Amino acid sequence: MLRPLFVLIFLLFVPFAQAIDPLPFANDAEEQRFQHLASELRCLVCQNQNIADSDAGLAKDLRKEVFEMMRAGQSDDEIKRFLTDRYGDFVLYRPPFKSTTLVLWIGPIVILVIGFAIARNMMLRSGPHPDLPGPIDDKVDR
């Protein structure tokens, strides 16, 4: 009774089990270099995944292209430069610090400072609340 149920469940989930296309790496060092490089490149379709983890068609194409460029002897910087020339700095998880990406680097800090300033002003304006009890007194009336 349990075995047919297991087989049925297995067959239902088989279509969802998709593996990333295997690439013929020459050695472990090449595979590690590829994995490191692919983890630094953003999937332009998913946007929250790198191309190593994404299952989107564009990510598959980019993985193959990165692999072929590695096999052609290009350095990581050359590969990144090619992809940023083609897709812009958005393809990198860590875009370079330059005038066009200044908002990406400075924006979160500015928002945080503004948020602290607003919170501070709200607390200073409100002052002590008359309905709340004062400090707790350690003395007990007997």
C-alpha atoms as a PDB file:
ATOM      1  CA  MET A   1       0.000   0.000   0.000  1.00  0.00           C
ATOM      2  CA  LEU A   2       2.802   2.405   0.875  1.00  0.00           C
ATOM      3  CA  ARG A   3       4.961   1.593  -2.137  1.00  0.00           C
ATOM      4  CA  PRO A   4       2.383   2.584  -4.832  1.00  0.00           C
ATOM      5  CA  LEU A   5       1.751   5.824  -2.940  1.00  0.00           C
ATOM      6  CA  PHE A   6       5.481   6.591  -2.898  1.00  0.00           C
ATOM      7  CA  VAL A   7       5.773   5.871  -6.633  1.00  0.00           C
ATOM      8  CA  LEU A   8       2.790   8.109  -7.373  1.00  0.00           C
ATOM      9  CA  ILE A   9       4.251  10.996  -5.347  1.00  0.00           C
ATOM     10  CA  PHE A  10       7.623  10.491  -7.028  1.00  0.00           C
ATOM     11  CA  LEU A  11       6.069  10.594 -10.495  1.00  0.00           C
ATOM     12  CA  LEU A  12       4.118  13.729  -9.653  1.00  0.00           C
ATOM     13  CA  PHE A  13       7.266  15.650  -8.659  1.00  0.00           C
ATOM     14  CA  VAL A  14       9.614  14.420 -11.408  1.00  0.00           C
ATOM     15  CA  PRO A  15       8.693  17.229 -13.845  1.00  0.00           C
ATOM     16  CA  PHE A  16       9.705  19.823 -11.225  1.00  0.00           C
ATOM     17  CA  ALA A  17      13.154  18.332 -10.689  1.00  0.00           C
ATOM     18  CA  GLN A  18      15.290  20.218 -13.169  1.00  0.00           C
ATOM     19  CA  ALA A  19      19.023  20.210 -12.877  1.00  0.00           C
ATOM     20  CA  ILE A  20      21.337  22.886 -14.177  1.00  0.00           C
ATOM     21  CA  ASP A  21      22.941  21.782 -17.438  1.00  0.00           C
ATOM     22  CA  PRO A  22      26.218  20.022 -16.646  1.00  0.00           C
ATOM     23  CA  LEU A  23      29.306  21.549 -18.207  1.00  0.00           C
ATOM     24  CA  PRO A  24      32.419  19.543 -19.096  1.00  0.00           C
ATOM     25  CA  PHE A  25      34.994  21.105 -16.762  1.00  0.00           C
ATOM     26  CA  ALA A  26      38.628  20.135 -17.258  1.00  0.00           C
ATOM     27  CA  ASN A  27      39.338  20.041 -13.508  1.00  0.00           C
ATOM     28  CA  ASP A  28      38.074  21.159 -10.108  1.00  0.00           C
ATOM     29  CA  ALA A  29      39.905  24.495 -10.293  1.00  0.00           C
ATOM     30  CA  GLU A  30      38.079  25.403 -13.509  1.00  0.00           C
ATOM     31  CA  GLU A  31      34.749  24.418 -11.979  1.00  0.00           C
ATOM     32  CA  GLN A  32      35.425  26.484  -8.846  1.00  0.00           C
ATOM     33  CA  ARG A  33      36.423  29.486 -10.963  1.00  0.00           C
ATOM     34  CA  PHE A  34      33.221  29.128 -13.003  1.00  0.00           C
ATOM     35  CA  GLN A  35      31.058  28.799  -9.876  1.00  0.00           C
ATOM     36  CA  HIS A  36      32.690  31.856  -8.300  1.00  0.00           C
ATOM     37  CA  LEU A  37      32.240  33.928 -11.454  1.00  0.00           C
ATOM     38  CA  ALA A  38      28.663  32.763 -12.011  1.00  0.00           C
ATOM     39  CA  SER A  39      27.768  33.620  -8.405  1.00  0.00           C
ATOM     40  CA  GLU A  40      28.865  37.239  -9.002  1.00  0.00           C
ATOM     41  CA  LEU A  41      26.632  37.669 -12.070  1.00  0.00           C
ATOM     42  CA  ARG A  42      22.947  38.510 -11.675  1.00  0.00           C
ATOM     43  CA  CYS A  43      20.251  36.791 -13.678  1.00  0.00           C
ATOM     44  CA  LEU A  44      18.626  39.570 -15.672  1.00  0.00           C
ATOM     45  CA  VAL A  45      15.296  37.754 -15.733  1.00  0.00           C
ATOM     46  CA  CYS A  46      15.027  36.690 -12.079  1.00  0.00           C
ATOM     47  CA  GLN A  47      17.028  39.659 -10.688  1.00  0.00           C
ATOM     48  CA  ASN A  48      17.259  38.090  -7.222  1.00  0.00           C
ATOM     49  CA  GLN A  49      19.298  35.076  -8.286  1.00  0.00           C
ATOM     50  CA  ASN A  50      22.714  34.684  -9.761  1.00  0.00           C
ATOM     51  CA  ILE A  51      23.151  32.921 -13.079  1.00  0.00           C
ATOM     52  CA  ALA A  52      24.482  29.820 -11.318  1.00  0.00           C
ATOM     53  CA  ASP A  53      21.207  29.288  -9.432  1.00  0.00           C
ATOM     54  CA  SER A  54      18.702  30.582 -11.977  1.00  0.00           C
ATOM     55  CA  ASP A  55      16.757  28.291 -14.268  1.00  0.00           C
ATOM     56  CA  ALA A  56      15.757  31.049 -16.704  1.00  0.00           C
ATOM     57  CA  GLY A  57      16.640  30.605 -20.363  1.00  0.00           C
ATOM     58  CA  LEU A  58      18.815  33.719 -20.411  1.00  0.00           C
ATOM     59  CA  ALA A  59      20.760  32.475 -17.381  1.00  0.00           C
ATOM     60  CA  LYS A  60      21.400  29.164 -19.164  1.00  0.00           C
ATOM     61  CA  ASP A  61      22.693  31.061 -22.192  1.00  0.00           C
ATOM     62  CA  LEU A  62      24.898  33.263 -20.008  1.00  0.00           C
ATOM     63  CA  ARG A  63      26.325  30.224 -18.213  1.00  0.00           C
ATOM     64  CA  LYS A  64      27.273  28.676 -21.551  1.00  0.00           C
ATOM     65  CA  GLU A  65      28.723  31.951 -22.783  1.00  0.00           C
ATOM     66  CA  VAL A  66      30.789  32.437 -19.607  1.00  0.00           C
ATOM     67  CA  PHE A  67      32.030  28.849 -19.867  1.00  0.00           C
ATOM     68  CA  GLU A  68      33.037  29.312 -23.509  1.00  0.00           C
ATOM     69  CA  MET A  69      34.812  32.580 -22.707  1.00  0.00           C
ATOM     70  CA  MET A  70      36.699  30.849 -19.887  1.00  0.00           C
ATOM     71  CA  ARG A  71      37.705  28.061 -22.272  1.00  0.00           C
ATOM     72  CA  ALA A  72      38.885  30.706 -24.756  1.00  0.00           C
ATOM     73  CA  GLY A  73      41.331  31.947 -22.118  1.00  0.00           C
ATOM     74  CA  GLN A  74      39.633  35.171 -21.080  1.00  0.00           C
ATOM     75  CA  SER A  75      40.152  36.449 -17.541  1.00  0.00           C
ATOM     76  CA  ASP A  76      37.325  37.033 -15.060  1.00  0.00           C
ATOM     77  CA  ASP A  77      37.681  40.794 -15.543  1.00  0.00           C
ATOM     78  CA  GLU A  78      37.436  40.453 -19.327  1.00  0.00           C
ATOM     79  CA  ILE A  79      34.307  38.315 -18.985  1.00  0.00           C
ATOM     80  CA  LYS A  80      32.712  40.795 -16.565  1.00  0.00           C
ATOM     81  CA  ARG A  81      33.642  43.717 -18.813  1.00  0.00           C
ATOM     82  CA  PHE A  82      32.048  41.984 -21.822  1.00  0.00           C
ATOM     83  CA  LEU A  83      28.831  41.329 -19.886  1.00  0.00           C
ATOM     84  CA  THR A  84      28.633  44.860 -18.445  1.00  0.00           C
ATOM     85  CA  ASP A  85      29.224  46.345 -21.906  1.00  0.00           C
ATOM     86  CA  ARG A  86      26.377  44.207 -23.180  1.00  0.00           C
ATOM     87  CA  TYR A  87      23.910  44.351 -20.235  1.00  0.00           C
ATOM     88  CA  GLY A  88      25.091  47.249 -18.061  1.00  0.00           C
ATOM     89  CA  ASP A  89      26.336  47.311 -14.455  1.00  0.00           C
ATOM     90  CA  PHE A  90      23.090  45.715 -13.274  1.00  0.00           C
ATOM     91  CA  VAL A  91      24.450  42.300 -14.290  1.00  0.00           C
ATOM     92  CA  LEU A  92      26.987  42.533 -11.428  1.00  0.00           C
ATOM     93  CA  TYR A  93      25.971  41.908  -7.827  1.00  0.00           C
ATOM     94  CA  ARG A  94      28.716  44.330  -6.763  1.00  0.00           C
ATOM     95  CA  PRO A  95      28.622  47.153  -9.311  1.00  0.00           C
ATOM     96  CA  PRO A  96      31.676  49.434  -9.453  1.00  0.00           C
ATOM     97  CA  PHE A  97      31.669  52.720  -7.547  1.00  0.00           C
ATOM     98  CA  LYS A  98      31.243  55.399 -10.207  1.00  0.00           C
ATOM     99  CA  SER A  99      28.961  58.335 -10.986  1.00  0.00           C
ATOM    100  CA  THR A 100      26.256  56.203 -12.631  1.00  0.00           C
ATOM    101  CA  THR A 101      26.072  53.800  -9.656  1.00  0.00           C
ATOM    102  CA  LEU A 102      26.449  56.421  -6.918  1.00  0.00           C
ATOM    103  CA  VAL A 103      22.790  56.080  -5.900  1.00  0.00           C
ATOM    104  CA  LEU A 104      23.224  52.332  -5.384  1.00  0.00           C
ATOM    105  CA  TRP A 105      26.109  52.893  -2.983  1.00  0.00           C
ATOM    106  CA  ILE A 106      25.068  56.094  -1.182  1.00  0.00           C
ATOM    107  CA  GLY A 107      21.266  55.755  -1.338  1.00  0.00           C
ATOM    108  CA  PRO A 108      20.821  53.263   1.530  1.00  0.00           C
ATOM    109  CA  ILE A 109      23.007  55.358   3.837  1.00  0.00           C
ATOM    110  CA  VAL A 110      21.073  58.543   3.011  1.00  0.00           C
ATOM    111  CA  ILE A 111      17.737  56.797   3.614  1.00  0.00           C
ATOM    112  CA  LEU A 112      18.987  55.450   6.951  1.00  0.00           C
ATOM    113  CA  VAL A 113      20.188  58.899   8.111  1.00  0.00           C
ATOM    114  CA  ILE A 114      16.886  60.509   7.062  1.00  0.00           C
ATOM    115  CA  GLY A 115      14.946  57.795   8.909  1.00  0.00           C
ATOM    116  CA  PHE A 116      16.946  58.343  12.115  1.00  0.00           C
ATOM    117  CA  ALA A 117      16.454  62.123  11.825  1.00  0.00           C
ATOM    118  CA  ILE A 118      12.686  61.743  11.405  1.00  0.00           C
ATOM    119  CA  ALA A 119      12.447  59.321  14.342  1.00  0.00           C
ATOM    120  CA  ARG A 120      14.553  61.630  16.547  1.00  0.00           C
ATOM    121  CA  ASN A 121      12.421  64.673  15.683  1.00  0.00           C
ATOM    122  CA  MET A 122       9.213  62.762  16.393  1.00  0.00           C
ATOM    123  CA  MET A 123      10.491  61.648  19.801  1.00  0.00           C
ATOM    124  CA  LEU A 124      11.707  65.125  20.750  1.00  0.00           C
ATOM    125  CA  ARG A 125       8.450  66.772  19.684  1.00  0.00           C
ATOM    126  CA  SER A 126       6.226  64.387  21.563  1.00  0.00           C
ATOM    127  CA  GLY A 127       7.902  64.925  24.959  1.00  0.00           C
ATOM    128  CA  PRO A 128       6.627  63.141  28.066  1.00  0.00           C
ATOM    129  CA  HIS A 129       3.121  61.753  27.769  1.00  0.00           C
ATOM    130  CA  PRO A 130       0.809  62.862  30.646  1.00  0.00           C
ATOM    131  CA  ASP A 131      -1.266  59.652  30.669  1.00  0.00           C
ATOM    132  CA  LEU A 132       1.730  57.387  31.220  1.00  0.00           C
ATOM    133  CA  PRO A 133       2.947  56.713  34.761  1.00  0.00           C
ATOM    134  CA  GLY A 134       6.209  58.269  35.840  1.00  0.00           C
ATOM    135  CA  PRO A 135       9.324  56.387  36.896  1.00  0.00           C
ATOM    136  CA  ILE A 136       8.795  53.399  39.140  1.00  0.00           C
ATOM    137  CA  ASP A 137       9.537  54.239  42.756  1.00  0.00           C
ATOM    138  CA  ASP A 138      11.390  51.609  44.765  1.00  0.00           C
ATOM    139  CA  LYS A 139       9.696  52.726  47.965  1.00  0.00           C
ATOM    140  CA  VAL A 140       6.622  50.788  48.941  1.00  0.00           C
ATOM    141  CA  ASP A 141       3.880  52.466  51.008  1.00  0.00           C
ATOM    142  CA  ARG A 142       3.047  50.495  54.119  1.00  0.00           C
END
